[in-house]
Amino acid sequence: MKSAADQHRRSFWLKQLHQWHWISAAVSLIGMLLFAITGITLNHAGQIEAEPKVVSRKATLPPDLMAVLAKGPEEGKRPLPVPLEPFLDKAVGADVAGREGEWSPEEVYVALARPGGDAWLSIDRETGAIEHEKTTRGVVSLLNDLHKGRNSGKAWSWFIDIFAAACVIFTVTGLILLQFHARARPLTWPLVGLGLAAPVILVILFVHL
């Protein structure tokens, strides 16, 4: 029979585990649902048709910004001059802030990779002609790229890391809670074992490594 001290210790840890379990569940709930759904869409990406939508826009740099562009390097990689950023955003809807451009004597080319699509911008250094093209592939493609963290930026990368940490806390506290309650629930460890064995067996039998 357990002593009062043992009962108190068990009660304390159960309370702590339940606290961390529900907090991590609340933090990761929506993200887990999103990643579960996009796991299905990624697994069937070849069967989900998406018709790309392409938007092309053109404009011309004014003389004052042409002069600013002329001060750039002859070749190499460097972001566009800051004074060009608001004009390009307004004229063709291109957000080039912090993006590296590929400079040559003839043009500056900026790749504007984005989740769920693609985009690029080019500026003719002699005439100031601007071409911008943006391709979108729909909501499913966007969510799939967010799932993979593809071209989604540092902020989303931080979110994935924090979400993953919350999921780890959720699963580890859940596992320990299973240990606490396993005596009263005989199927606990057989079910946990099934959850481990199923993917291992599938990998051994059906995945070519």
N, C-alpha and C. Protein backbone atom coordinates (compact mmCIF):
# COMPACT_ATOMS: atom_id res chain seq x y z
N MET A 1 0.84 -1.20 0.00
CA MET A 1 0.00 0.00 0.00
C MET A 1 0.88 1.25 0.00
N LYS A 2 0.53 2.20 -0.84
CA LYS A 2 1.35 3.40 -0.97
C LYS A 2 1.15 4.31 0.23
N SER A 3 2.27 4.95 0.63
CA SER A 3 2.22 5.88 1.74
C SER A 3 1.58 7.19 1.30
N ALA A 4 1.27 8.04 2.29
CA ALA A 4 0.68 9.35 1.97
C ALA A 4 1.64 10.20 1.16
N ALA A 5 2.95 10.06 1.44
CA ALA A 5 3.95 10.83 0.69
C ALA A 5 3.98 10.40 -0.77
N ASP A 6 3.89 9.07 -1.01
CA ASP A 6 3.87 8.56 -2.38
C ASP A 6 2.62 9.04 -3.12
N GLN A 7 1.50 9.01 -2.44
CA GLN A 7 0.25 9.48 -3.04
C GLN A 7 0.34 10.96 -3.39
N HIS A 8 0.94 11.72 -2.48
CA HIS A 8 1.09 13.16 -2.72
C HIS A 8 2.01 13.42 -3.91
N ARG A 9 3.11 12.65 -3.98
CA ARG A 9 4.06 12.81 -5.09
C ARG A 9 3.39 12.45 -6.42
N ARG A 10 2.64 11.35 -6.42
CA ARG A 10 1.94 10.93 -7.64
C ARG A 10 0.94 11.99 -8.07
N SER A 11 0.19 12.53 -7.12
CA SER A 11 -0.81 13.56 -7.41
C SER A 11 -0.15 14.81 -7.99
N PHE A 12 1.02 15.18 -7.42
CA PHE A 12 1.74 16.37 -7.89
C PHE A 12 2.17 16.20 -9.34
N TRP A 13 2.79 15.04 -9.67
CA TRP A 13 3.27 14.83 -11.03
C TRP A 13 2.14 14.67 -12.03
N LEU A 14 1.05 14.02 -11.60
CA LEU A 14 -0.10 13.93 -12.49
C LEU A 14 -0.65 15.30 -12.83
N LYS A 15 -0.72 16.16 -11.82
CA LYS A 15 -1.21 17.52 -12.04
C LYS A 15 -0.30 18.27 -13.00
N GLN A 16 1.02 18.15 -12.81
CA GLN A 16 1.98 18.83 -13.70
C GLN A 16 1.88 18.30 -15.13
N LEU A 17 1.80 16.98 -15.26
CA LEU A 17 1.72 16.39 -16.59
C LEU A 17 0.45 16.78 -17.32
N HIS A 18 -0.68 16.75 -16.61
CA HIS A 18 -1.94 17.17 -17.23
C HIS A 18 -1.87 18.64 -17.65
N GLN A 19 -1.23 19.46 -16.81
CA GLN A 19 -1.10 20.89 -17.13
C GLN A 19 -0.31 21.08 -18.42
N TRP A 20 0.87 20.46 -18.51
CA TRP A 20 1.70 20.58 -19.71
C TRP A 20 1.04 19.93 -20.92
N HIS A 21 0.31 18.84 -20.66
CA HIS A 21 -0.34 18.13 -21.77
C HIS A 21 -1.42 18.99 -22.42
N TRP A 22 -2.28 19.61 -21.60
CA TRP A 22 -3.37 20.38 -22.21
C TRP A 22 -2.86 21.69 -22.79
N ILE A 23 -1.83 22.30 -22.19
CA ILE A 23 -1.28 23.54 -22.74
C ILE A 23 -0.63 23.28 -24.10
N SER A 24 0.19 22.23 -24.18
CA SER A 24 0.84 21.90 -25.45
C SER A 24 -0.19 21.48 -26.49
N ALA A 25 -1.27 20.81 -26.06
CA ALA A 25 -2.34 20.44 -26.99
C ALA A 25 -3.03 21.68 -27.55
N ALA A 26 -3.30 22.64 -26.68
CA ALA A 26 -3.97 23.87 -27.12
C ALA A 26 -3.10 24.65 -28.10
N VAL A 27 -1.78 24.72 -27.80
CA VAL A 27 -0.86 25.47 -28.67
C VAL A 27 -0.72 24.80 -30.03
N SER A 28 -0.68 23.48 -30.06
CA SER A 28 -0.40 22.77 -31.31
C SER A 28 -1.64 22.27 -32.04
N LEU A 29 -2.83 22.47 -31.47
CA LEU A 29 -4.05 21.89 -32.03
C LEU A 29 -4.29 22.28 -33.49
N ILE A 30 -4.36 23.58 -33.78
CA ILE A 30 -4.66 24.02 -35.15
C ILE A 30 -3.54 23.64 -36.09
N GLY A 31 -2.28 23.83 -35.64
CA GLY A 31 -1.15 23.45 -36.47
C GLY A 31 -1.14 21.97 -36.77
N MET A 32 -1.48 21.14 -35.77
CA MET A 32 -1.51 19.69 -35.98
C MET A 32 -2.59 19.30 -36.99
N LEU A 33 -3.73 19.96 -36.90
CA LEU A 33 -4.81 19.70 -37.85
C LEU A 33 -4.36 20.09 -39.26
N LEU A 34 -3.73 21.26 -39.38
CA LEU A 34 -3.24 21.73 -40.69
C LEU A 34 -2.22 20.77 -41.27
N PHE A 35 -1.25 20.35 -40.44
CA PHE A 35 -0.20 19.49 -40.94
C PHE A 35 -0.73 18.08 -41.24
N ALA A 36 -1.74 17.63 -40.52
CA ALA A 36 -2.34 16.33 -40.81
C ALA A 36 -3.07 16.36 -42.16
N ILE A 37 -3.84 17.43 -42.39
CA ILE A 37 -4.57 17.56 -43.66
C ILE A 37 -3.61 17.68 -44.83
N THR A 38 -2.58 18.53 -44.68
CA THR A 38 -1.62 18.70 -45.77
C THR A 38 -0.73 17.47 -45.94
N GLY A 39 -0.62 16.64 -44.90
CA GLY A 39 0.07 15.37 -45.07
C GLY A 39 -0.68 14.49 -46.07
N ILE A 40 -2.01 14.52 -45.99
CA ILE A 40 -2.84 13.77 -46.95
C ILE A 40 -2.72 14.35 -48.35
N THR A 41 -2.81 15.69 -48.45
CA THR A 41 -2.74 16.32 -49.78
C THR A 41 -1.36 16.14 -50.42
N LEU A 42 -0.30 16.15 -49.60
CA LEU A 42 1.04 15.89 -50.14
C LEU A 42 1.16 14.46 -50.63
N ASN A 43 0.59 13.53 -49.88
CA ASN A 43 0.66 12.12 -50.25
C ASN A 43 -0.07 11.84 -51.55
N HIS A 44 -1.06 12.70 -51.87
CA HIS A 44 -1.84 12.52 -53.11
C HIS A 44 -1.67 13.71 -54.05
N ALA A 45 -0.50 14.35 -53.97
CA ALA A 45 -0.26 15.56 -54.78
C ALA A 45 -0.44 15.30 -56.27
N GLY A 46 -0.05 14.12 -56.74
CA GLY A 46 -0.17 13.80 -58.16
C GLY A 46 -1.60 13.64 -58.62
N GLN A 47 -2.51 13.39 -57.68
CA GLN A 47 -3.91 13.18 -58.04
C GLN A 47 -4.76 14.45 -57.89
N ILE A 48 -4.18 15.47 -57.27
CA ILE A 48 -4.91 16.72 -57.07
C ILE A 48 -4.48 17.71 -58.15
N GLU A 49 -5.37 17.98 -59.07
CA GLU A 49 -5.04 18.87 -60.18
C GLU A 49 -5.09 20.33 -59.74
N ALA A 50 -4.12 21.08 -60.21
CA ALA A 50 -4.08 22.51 -59.93
C ALA A 50 -3.72 23.25 -61.21
N GLU A 51 -4.56 24.19 -61.60
CA GLU A 51 -4.31 24.95 -62.81
C GLU A 51 -3.59 26.24 -62.47
N PRO A 52 -2.33 26.37 -62.88
CA PRO A 52 -1.58 27.58 -62.53
C PRO A 52 -2.21 28.84 -63.13
N LYS A 53 -2.18 29.90 -62.35
CA LYS A 53 -2.66 31.20 -62.81
C LYS A 53 -1.47 32.14 -62.91
N VAL A 54 -1.24 32.66 -64.12
CA VAL A 54 -0.07 33.49 -64.37
C VAL A 54 -0.50 34.93 -64.61
N VAL A 55 0.11 35.86 -63.88
CA VAL A 55 -0.16 37.29 -64.05
C VAL A 55 1.14 37.98 -64.44
N SER A 56 1.12 38.67 -65.58
CA SER A 56 2.31 39.40 -66.04
C SER A 56 2.04 40.89 -66.01
N ARG A 57 3.01 41.65 -65.56
CA ARG A 57 2.89 43.11 -65.52
C ARG A 57 4.16 43.76 -66.03
N LYS A 58 4.00 44.94 -66.63
CA LYS A 58 5.15 45.66 -67.17
C LYS A 58 5.08 47.12 -66.74
N ALA A 59 6.24 47.72 -66.64
CA ALA A 59 6.34 49.15 -66.30
C ALA A 59 7.71 49.63 -66.75
N THR A 60 8.00 50.89 -66.50
CA THR A 60 9.29 51.47 -66.87
C THR A 60 9.80 52.33 -65.72
N LEU A 61 11.08 52.18 -65.40
CA LEU A 61 11.68 52.99 -64.34
C LEU A 61 11.77 54.45 -64.78
N PRO A 62 11.44 55.39 -63.91
CA PRO A 62 11.62 56.81 -64.22
C PRO A 62 13.11 57.15 -64.22
N PRO A 63 13.49 58.27 -64.85
CA PRO A 63 14.91 58.63 -64.98
C PRO A 63 15.67 58.69 -63.66
N ASP A 64 15.04 59.21 -62.59
CA ASP A 64 15.77 59.32 -61.33
C ASP A 64 16.13 57.94 -60.76
N LEU A 65 15.24 56.96 -60.93
CA LEU A 65 15.54 55.62 -60.45
C LEU A 65 16.48 54.88 -61.41
N MET A 66 16.45 55.25 -62.68
CA MET A 66 17.43 54.70 -63.63
C MET A 66 18.84 55.11 -63.20
N ALA A 67 18.97 56.34 -62.74
CA ALA A 67 20.28 56.82 -62.27
C ALA A 67 20.74 56.05 -61.04
N VAL A 68 19.79 55.74 -60.15
CA VAL A 68 20.13 54.95 -58.96
C VAL A 68 20.56 53.54 -59.37
N LEU A 69 19.83 52.94 -60.32
CA LEU A 69 20.15 51.59 -60.78
C LEU A 69 21.51 51.55 -61.46
N ALA A 70 21.86 52.62 -62.16
CA ALA A 70 23.14 52.67 -62.88
C ALA A 70 24.34 52.60 -61.95
N LYS A 71 24.13 52.94 -60.69
CA LYS A 71 25.24 52.91 -59.71
C LYS A 71 25.49 51.50 -59.18
N GLY A 72 24.66 50.55 -59.57
CA GLY A 72 24.81 49.18 -59.10
C GLY A 72 25.98 48.48 -59.75
N PRO A 73 26.30 47.27 -59.31
CA PRO A 73 27.45 46.54 -59.85
C PRO A 73 27.20 46.07 -61.28
N GLU A 74 28.27 45.82 -61.99
CA GLU A 74 28.16 45.31 -63.35
C GLU A 74 27.69 43.85 -63.35
N GLU A 75 28.12 43.12 -62.34
CA GLU A 75 27.71 41.72 -62.26
C GLU A 75 27.81 41.25 -60.80
N GLY A 76 27.25 40.08 -60.55
CA GLY A 76 27.26 39.53 -59.20
C GLY A 76 25.86 39.49 -58.61
N LYS A 77 25.78 39.22 -57.31
CA LYS A 77 24.50 39.14 -56.62
C LYS A 77 24.44 40.19 -55.52
N ARG A 78 23.36 40.98 -55.57
CA ARG A 78 23.17 42.03 -54.58
C ARG A 78 21.71 42.47 -54.62
N PRO A 79 21.13 42.85 -53.47
CA PRO A 79 19.74 43.35 -53.50
C PRO A 79 19.63 44.62 -54.33
N LEU A 80 18.44 44.88 -54.82
CA LEU A 80 18.19 46.12 -55.55
C LEU A 80 18.30 47.30 -54.60
N PRO A 81 18.68 48.48 -55.12
CA PRO A 81 18.74 49.68 -54.26
C PRO A 81 17.40 49.94 -53.57
N VAL A 82 17.46 50.32 -52.31
CA VAL A 82 16.25 50.54 -51.51
C VAL A 82 15.27 51.53 -52.16
N PRO A 83 15.73 52.64 -52.79
CA PRO A 83 14.76 53.57 -53.40
C PRO A 83 13.87 52.95 -54.46
N LEU A 84 14.28 51.81 -55.05
CA LEU A 84 13.47 51.18 -56.08
C LEU A 84 12.30 50.38 -55.49
N GLU A 85 12.41 49.97 -54.24
CA GLU A 85 11.44 49.05 -53.65
C GLU A 85 10.01 49.56 -53.66
N PRO A 86 9.72 50.78 -53.16
CA PRO A 86 8.32 51.23 -53.18
C PRO A 86 7.76 51.41 -54.59
N PHE A 87 8.61 51.84 -55.53
CA PHE A 87 8.14 52.02 -56.90
C PHE A 87 7.75 50.69 -57.52
N LEU A 88 8.60 49.66 -57.35
CA LEU A 88 8.31 48.35 -57.92
C LEU A 88 7.07 47.72 -57.30
N ASP A 89 6.90 47.94 -56.00
CA ASP A 89 5.72 47.41 -55.32
C ASP A 89 4.45 48.03 -55.87
N LYS A 90 4.49 49.34 -56.09
CA LYS A 90 3.32 50.06 -56.59
C LYS A 90 3.08 49.82 -58.08
N ALA A 91 4.15 49.79 -58.87
CA ALA A 91 4.02 49.70 -60.32
C ALA A 91 3.64 48.31 -60.81
N VAL A 92 4.26 47.27 -60.23
CA VAL A 92 3.99 45.91 -60.73
C VAL A 92 3.63 44.93 -59.62
N GLY A 93 3.55 45.40 -58.37
CA GLY A 93 3.17 44.52 -57.26
C GLY A 93 4.25 43.55 -56.85
N ALA A 94 5.52 43.94 -57.02
CA ALA A 94 6.64 43.07 -56.67
C ALA A 94 7.28 43.53 -55.38
N ASP A 95 7.32 42.66 -54.39
CA ASP A 95 7.98 42.96 -53.12
C ASP A 95 9.41 42.41 -53.19
N VAL A 96 10.38 43.30 -53.41
CA VAL A 96 11.77 42.87 -53.60
C VAL A 96 12.63 43.17 -52.38
N ALA A 97 12.04 43.62 -51.30
CA ALA A 97 12.81 43.99 -50.11
C ALA A 97 13.63 42.80 -49.60
N GLY A 98 14.93 42.99 -49.51
CA GLY A 98 15.81 41.94 -48.99
C GLY A 98 16.12 40.82 -49.96
N ARG A 99 15.57 40.88 -51.17
CA ARG A 99 15.81 39.81 -52.15
C ARG A 99 17.06 40.11 -52.96
N GLU A 100 17.90 39.10 -53.15
CA GLU A 100 19.10 39.28 -53.95
C GLU A 100 18.76 39.29 -55.43
N GLY A 101 19.38 40.21 -56.15
CA GLY A 101 19.23 40.25 -57.59
C GLY A 101 20.49 39.75 -58.27
N GLU A 102 20.32 39.16 -59.45
CA GLU A 102 21.46 38.72 -60.25
C GLU A 102 21.76 39.83 -61.26
N TRP A 103 22.89 40.49 -61.06
CA TRP A 103 23.25 41.66 -61.86
C TRP A 103 24.13 41.26 -63.04
N SER A 104 23.82 41.84 -64.19
CA SER A 104 24.66 41.70 -65.38
C SER A 104 24.65 43.07 -66.08
N PRO A 105 25.53 43.30 -67.05
CA PRO A 105 25.53 44.61 -67.74
C PRO A 105 24.21 44.91 -68.43
N GLU A 106 23.45 43.87 -68.80
CA GLU A 106 22.21 44.08 -69.56
C GLU A 106 20.98 44.22 -68.65
N GLU A 107 20.92 43.45 -67.57
CA GLU A 107 19.70 43.45 -66.77
C GLU A 107 19.99 43.08 -65.32
N VAL A 108 18.94 43.28 -64.50
CA VAL A 108 18.95 42.77 -63.13
C VAL A 108 17.75 41.82 -63.03
N TYR A 109 18.03 40.59 -62.59
CA TYR A 109 16.98 39.58 -62.48
C TYR A 109 16.83 39.21 -61.01
N VAL A 110 15.57 39.22 -60.54
CA VAL A 110 15.31 38.87 -59.14
C VAL A 110 14.32 37.71 -59.10
N ALA A 111 14.76 36.58 -58.53
CA ALA A 111 13.86 35.44 -58.33
C ALA A 111 13.04 35.69 -57.07
N LEU A 112 11.72 35.55 -57.19
CA LEU A 112 10.81 35.84 -56.08
C LEU A 112 10.01 34.58 -55.72
N ALA A 113 10.76 33.53 -55.39
CA ALA A 113 10.11 32.26 -55.03
C ALA A 113 9.18 32.48 -53.84
N ARG A 114 8.03 31.80 -53.87
CA ARG A 114 7.01 31.98 -52.84
C ARG A 114 6.25 30.68 -52.65
N PRO A 115 5.66 30.45 -51.46
CA PRO A 115 4.88 29.23 -51.27
C PRO A 115 3.63 29.23 -52.15
N GLY A 116 3.35 28.11 -52.75
CA GLY A 116 2.15 27.99 -53.58
C GLY A 116 2.30 28.59 -54.96
N GLY A 117 3.50 28.90 -55.38
CA GLY A 117 3.68 29.49 -56.69
C GLY A 117 5.11 29.92 -56.92
N ASP A 118 5.26 30.87 -57.83
CA ASP A 118 6.60 31.37 -58.17
C ASP A 118 6.44 32.78 -58.73
N ALA A 119 7.54 33.50 -58.79
CA ALA A 119 7.51 34.84 -59.36
C ALA A 119 8.93 35.27 -59.70
N TRP A 120 9.04 36.22 -60.60
CA TRP A 120 10.33 36.79 -60.94
C TRP A 120 10.16 38.22 -61.45
N LEU A 121 11.27 38.96 -61.43
CA LEU A 121 11.27 40.35 -61.89
C LEU A 121 12.56 40.60 -62.65
N SER A 122 12.46 41.30 -63.76
CA SER A 122 13.68 41.68 -64.48
C SER A 122 13.59 43.16 -64.86
N ILE A 123 14.73 43.81 -64.82
CA ILE A 123 14.83 45.23 -65.20
C ILE A 123 15.93 45.37 -66.24
N ASP A 124 15.56 45.90 -67.39
CA ASP A 124 16.53 46.19 -68.44
C ASP A 124 17.33 47.42 -68.02
N ARG A 125 18.64 47.29 -67.90
CA ARG A 125 19.46 48.38 -67.39
C ARG A 125 19.65 49.52 -68.40
N GLU A 126 19.38 49.24 -69.66
CA GLU A 126 19.54 50.27 -70.68
C GLU A 126 18.26 51.08 -70.86
N THR A 127 17.13 50.39 -70.90
CA THR A 127 15.86 51.08 -71.18
C THR A 127 15.02 51.31 -69.92
N GLY A 128 15.30 50.60 -68.85
CA GLY A 128 14.48 50.72 -67.64
C GLY A 128 13.20 49.91 -67.70
N ALA A 129 13.04 49.08 -68.74
CA ALA A 129 11.83 48.26 -68.88
C ALA A 129 11.77 47.21 -67.76
N ILE A 130 10.61 47.13 -67.12
CA ILE A 130 10.40 46.19 -66.02
C ILE A 130 9.41 45.12 -66.45
N GLU A 131 9.74 43.88 -66.18
CA GLU A 131 8.81 42.77 -66.40
C GLU A 131 8.68 41.99 -65.10
N HIS A 132 7.44 41.72 -64.73
CA HIS A 132 7.19 40.96 -63.51
C HIS A 132 6.14 39.89 -63.82
N GLU A 133 6.44 38.66 -63.42
CA GLU A 133 5.50 37.57 -63.65
C GLU A 133 5.30 36.81 -62.35
N LYS A 134 4.03 36.55 -62.00
CA LYS A 134 3.70 35.82 -60.78
C LYS A 134 2.79 34.65 -61.13
N THR A 135 3.15 33.48 -60.64
CA THR A 135 2.38 32.27 -60.87
C THR A 135 1.83 31.76 -59.55
N THR A 136 0.53 31.48 -59.50
CA THR A 136 -0.09 30.89 -58.31
C THR A 136 -0.71 29.56 -58.70
N ARG A 137 -0.62 28.59 -57.78
CA ARG A 137 -1.11 27.25 -58.08
C ARG A 137 -2.24 26.80 -57.15
N GLY A 138 -2.87 27.74 -56.48
CA GLY A 138 -4.04 27.41 -55.68
C GLY A 138 -3.73 27.20 -54.21
N VAL A 139 -4.82 27.07 -53.43
CA VAL A 139 -4.73 26.97 -51.97
C VAL A 139 -4.03 25.68 -51.54
N VAL A 140 -4.33 24.57 -52.21
CA VAL A 140 -3.73 23.29 -51.83
C VAL A 140 -2.21 23.34 -51.99
N SER A 141 -1.76 23.90 -53.10
CA SER A 141 -0.32 24.04 -53.33
C SER A 141 0.32 24.95 -52.29
N LEU A 142 -0.40 26.02 -51.93
CA LEU A 142 0.10 26.93 -50.89
C LEU A 142 0.27 26.20 -49.56
N LEU A 143 -0.76 25.44 -49.15
CA LEU A 143 -0.71 24.72 -47.88
C LEU A 143 0.37 23.63 -47.90
N ASN A 144 0.53 22.97 -49.05
CA ASN A 144 1.58 21.95 -49.16
C ASN A 144 2.97 22.56 -48.97
N ASP A 145 3.19 23.71 -49.58
CA ASP A 145 4.49 24.37 -49.45
C ASP A 145 4.71 24.87 -48.02
N LEU A 146 3.65 25.32 -47.36
CA LEU A 146 3.78 25.73 -45.96
C LEU A 146 4.12 24.52 -45.09
N HIS A 147 3.54 23.37 -45.42
CA HIS A 147 3.85 22.13 -44.70
C HIS A 147 5.34 21.83 -44.79
N LYS A 148 5.92 22.01 -45.98
CA LYS A 148 7.33 21.71 -46.20
C LYS A 148 8.25 22.87 -45.80
N GLY A 149 7.66 24.04 -45.52
CA GLY A 149 8.48 25.20 -45.22
C GLY A 149 9.19 25.74 -46.46
N ARG A 150 8.64 25.47 -47.64
CA ARG A 150 9.28 25.87 -48.89
C ARG A 150 9.06 27.34 -49.19
N ASN A 151 10.14 28.07 -49.31
CA ASN A 151 10.09 29.49 -49.68
C ASN A 151 9.14 30.30 -48.79
N SER A 152 9.07 29.96 -47.51
CA SER A 152 8.09 30.60 -46.63
C SER A 152 8.69 31.58 -45.63
N GLY A 153 10.00 31.76 -45.65
CA GLY A 153 10.61 32.78 -44.81
C GLY A 153 10.96 32.34 -43.41
N LYS A 154 11.71 33.20 -42.73
CA LYS A 154 12.22 32.86 -41.39
C LYS A 154 11.10 32.79 -40.35
N ALA A 155 10.11 33.68 -40.44
CA ALA A 155 9.04 33.69 -39.44
C ALA A 155 8.30 32.37 -39.43
N TRP A 156 7.98 31.85 -40.63
CA TRP A 156 7.27 30.56 -40.70
C TRP A 156 8.18 29.43 -40.24
N SER A 157 9.47 29.53 -40.53
CA SER A 157 10.43 28.53 -40.06
C SER A 157 10.46 28.47 -38.54
N TRP A 158 10.41 29.64 -37.90
CA TRP A 158 10.35 29.70 -36.43
C TRP A 158 9.05 29.08 -35.92
N PHE A 159 7.95 29.35 -36.62
CA PHE A 159 6.66 28.77 -36.22
C PHE A 159 6.72 27.25 -36.26
N ILE A 160 7.30 26.68 -37.33
CA ILE A 160 7.39 25.23 -37.45
C ILE A 160 8.19 24.65 -36.29
N ASP A 161 9.30 25.31 -35.95
CA ASP A 161 10.14 24.82 -34.84
C ASP A 161 9.38 24.85 -33.51
N ILE A 162 8.67 25.96 -33.26
CA ILE A 162 7.92 26.08 -32.01
C ILE A 162 6.77 25.09 -31.97
N PHE A 163 6.08 24.94 -33.10
CA PHE A 163 4.98 23.97 -33.20
C PHE A 163 5.49 22.55 -32.98
N ALA A 164 6.65 22.22 -33.57
CA ALA A 164 7.22 20.88 -33.40
C ALA A 164 7.58 20.63 -31.94
N ALA A 165 8.12 21.65 -31.27
CA ALA A 165 8.46 21.51 -29.85
C ALA A 165 7.20 21.26 -29.02
N ALA A 166 6.11 21.98 -29.34
CA ALA A 166 4.84 21.77 -28.63
C ALA A 166 4.32 20.36 -28.85
N CYS A 167 4.48 19.84 -30.08
CA CYS A 167 4.04 18.47 -30.37
C CYS A 167 4.86 17.45 -29.59
N VAL A 168 6.16 17.71 -29.46
CA VAL A 168 7.02 16.80 -28.68
C VAL A 168 6.56 16.78 -27.22
N ILE A 169 6.31 17.96 -26.66
CA ILE A 169 5.83 18.03 -25.27
C ILE A 169 4.50 17.31 -25.12
N PHE A 170 3.60 17.52 -26.08
CA PHE A 170 2.28 16.88 -26.06
C PHE A 170 2.41 15.36 -26.07
N THR A 171 3.25 14.83 -26.96
CA THR A 171 3.36 13.37 -27.08
C THR A 171 4.12 12.75 -25.90
N VAL A 172 5.17 13.42 -25.45
CA VAL A 172 5.94 12.87 -24.32
C VAL A 172 5.11 12.87 -23.04
N THR A 173 4.41 13.98 -22.77
CA THR A 173 3.55 14.01 -21.58
C THR A 173 2.42 13.00 -21.71
N GLY A 174 1.92 12.81 -22.93
CA GLY A 174 0.89 11.80 -23.16
C GLY A 174 1.41 10.40 -22.88
N LEU A 175 2.64 10.14 -23.30
CA LEU A 175 3.24 8.82 -23.07
C LEU A 175 3.41 8.56 -21.57
N ILE A 176 3.87 9.58 -20.83
CA ILE A 176 4.05 9.40 -19.38
C ILE A 176 2.69 9.22 -18.69
N LEU A 177 1.69 9.95 -19.15
CA LEU A 177 0.34 9.77 -18.59
C LEU A 177 -0.18 8.37 -18.85
N LEU A 178 0.15 7.82 -20.02
CA LEU A 178 -0.23 6.43 -20.30
C LEU A 178 0.40 5.48 -19.28
N GLN A 179 1.66 5.77 -18.94
CA GLN A 179 2.34 4.96 -17.94
C GLN A 179 1.62 5.01 -16.59
N PHE A 180 1.17 6.20 -16.21
CA PHE A 180 0.46 6.36 -14.95
C PHE A 180 -0.85 5.56 -14.92
N HIS A 181 -1.54 5.54 -16.07
CA HIS A 181 -2.88 4.94 -16.10
C HIS A 181 -2.90 3.53 -16.70
N ALA A 182 -1.73 2.99 -17.05
CA ALA A 182 -1.68 1.71 -17.77
C ALA A 182 -2.28 0.55 -16.99
N ARG A 183 -2.12 0.56 -15.67
CA ARG A 183 -2.64 -0.56 -14.87
C ARG A 183 -4.15 -0.70 -15.00
N ALA A 184 -4.83 0.42 -15.07
CA ALA A 184 -6.30 0.39 -15.16
C ALA A 184 -6.77 0.20 -16.60
N ARG A 185 -5.84 0.26 -17.56
CA ARG A 185 -6.22 0.15 -18.97
C ARG A 185 -5.28 -0.87 -19.63
N PRO A 186 -5.62 -2.14 -19.59
CA PRO A 186 -4.74 -3.21 -20.06
C PRO A 186 -4.32 -3.10 -21.53
N LEU A 187 -5.14 -2.45 -22.36
CA LEU A 187 -4.81 -2.34 -23.78
C LEU A 187 -3.81 -1.23 -24.09
N THR A 188 -3.40 -0.48 -23.07
CA THR A 188 -2.53 0.67 -23.31
C THR A 188 -1.27 0.30 -24.09
N TRP A 189 -0.45 -0.61 -23.55
CA TRP A 189 0.84 -0.90 -24.18
C TRP A 189 0.71 -1.73 -25.45
N PRO A 190 -0.26 -2.67 -25.56
CA PRO A 190 -0.45 -3.32 -26.86
C PRO A 190 -0.78 -2.31 -27.98
N LEU A 191 -1.59 -1.29 -27.67
CA LEU A 191 -1.93 -0.28 -28.68
C LEU A 191 -0.73 0.59 -29.02
N VAL A 192 0.05 0.97 -28.00
CA VAL A 192 1.27 1.74 -28.25
C VAL A 192 2.23 0.91 -29.10
N GLY A 193 2.36 -0.38 -28.77
CA GLY A 193 3.22 -1.27 -29.54
C GLY A 193 2.76 -1.40 -30.99
N LEU A 194 1.42 -1.44 -31.19
CA LEU A 194 0.88 -1.51 -32.55
C LEU A 194 1.23 -0.24 -33.33
N GLY A 195 1.13 0.91 -32.64
CA GLY A 195 1.48 2.18 -33.30
C GLY A 195 2.94 2.24 -33.71
N LEU A 196 3.81 1.56 -32.98
CA LEU A 196 5.23 1.49 -33.33
C LEU A 196 5.49 0.44 -34.39
N ALA A 197 4.86 -0.74 -34.23
CA ALA A 197 5.15 -1.86 -35.12
C ALA A 197 4.63 -1.64 -36.54
N ALA A 198 3.44 -1.02 -36.66
CA ALA A 198 2.82 -0.87 -37.99
C ALA A 198 3.74 -0.15 -38.99
N PRO A 199 4.26 1.06 -38.67
CA PRO A 199 5.13 1.71 -39.66
C PRO A 199 6.44 0.97 -39.89
N VAL A 200 6.99 0.33 -38.83
CA VAL A 200 8.23 -0.43 -39.00
C VAL A 200 8.02 -1.59 -39.96
N ILE A 201 6.91 -2.32 -39.79
CA ILE A 201 6.62 -3.46 -40.67
C ILE A 201 6.40 -2.99 -42.11
N LEU A 202 5.67 -1.89 -42.28
CA LEU A 202 5.42 -1.36 -43.63
C LEU A 202 6.71 -0.96 -44.31
N VAL A 203 7.61 -0.33 -43.56
CA VAL A 203 8.90 0.08 -44.14
C VAL A 203 9.71 -1.15 -44.55
N ILE A 204 9.76 -2.14 -43.68
CA ILE A 204 10.55 -3.36 -43.97
C ILE A 204 10.00 -4.11 -45.19
N LEU A 205 8.66 -4.22 -45.27
CA LEU A 205 8.06 -5.05 -46.31
C LEU A 205 7.80 -4.33 -47.62
N PHE A 206 7.48 -3.04 -47.56
CA PHE A 206 6.98 -2.38 -48.76
C PHE A 206 7.77 -1.16 -49.23
N VAL A 207 8.71 -0.69 -48.42
CA VAL A 207 9.49 0.48 -48.84
C VAL A 207 10.87 0.04 -49.27
N HIS A 208 11.27 0.45 -50.45
CA HIS A 208 12.57 0.08 -50.99
C HIS A 208 13.62 1.06 -50.48
N LEU A 209 14.47 0.60 -49.60
CA LEU A 209 15.49 1.46 -49.01
C LEU A 209 16.82 1.30 -49.73
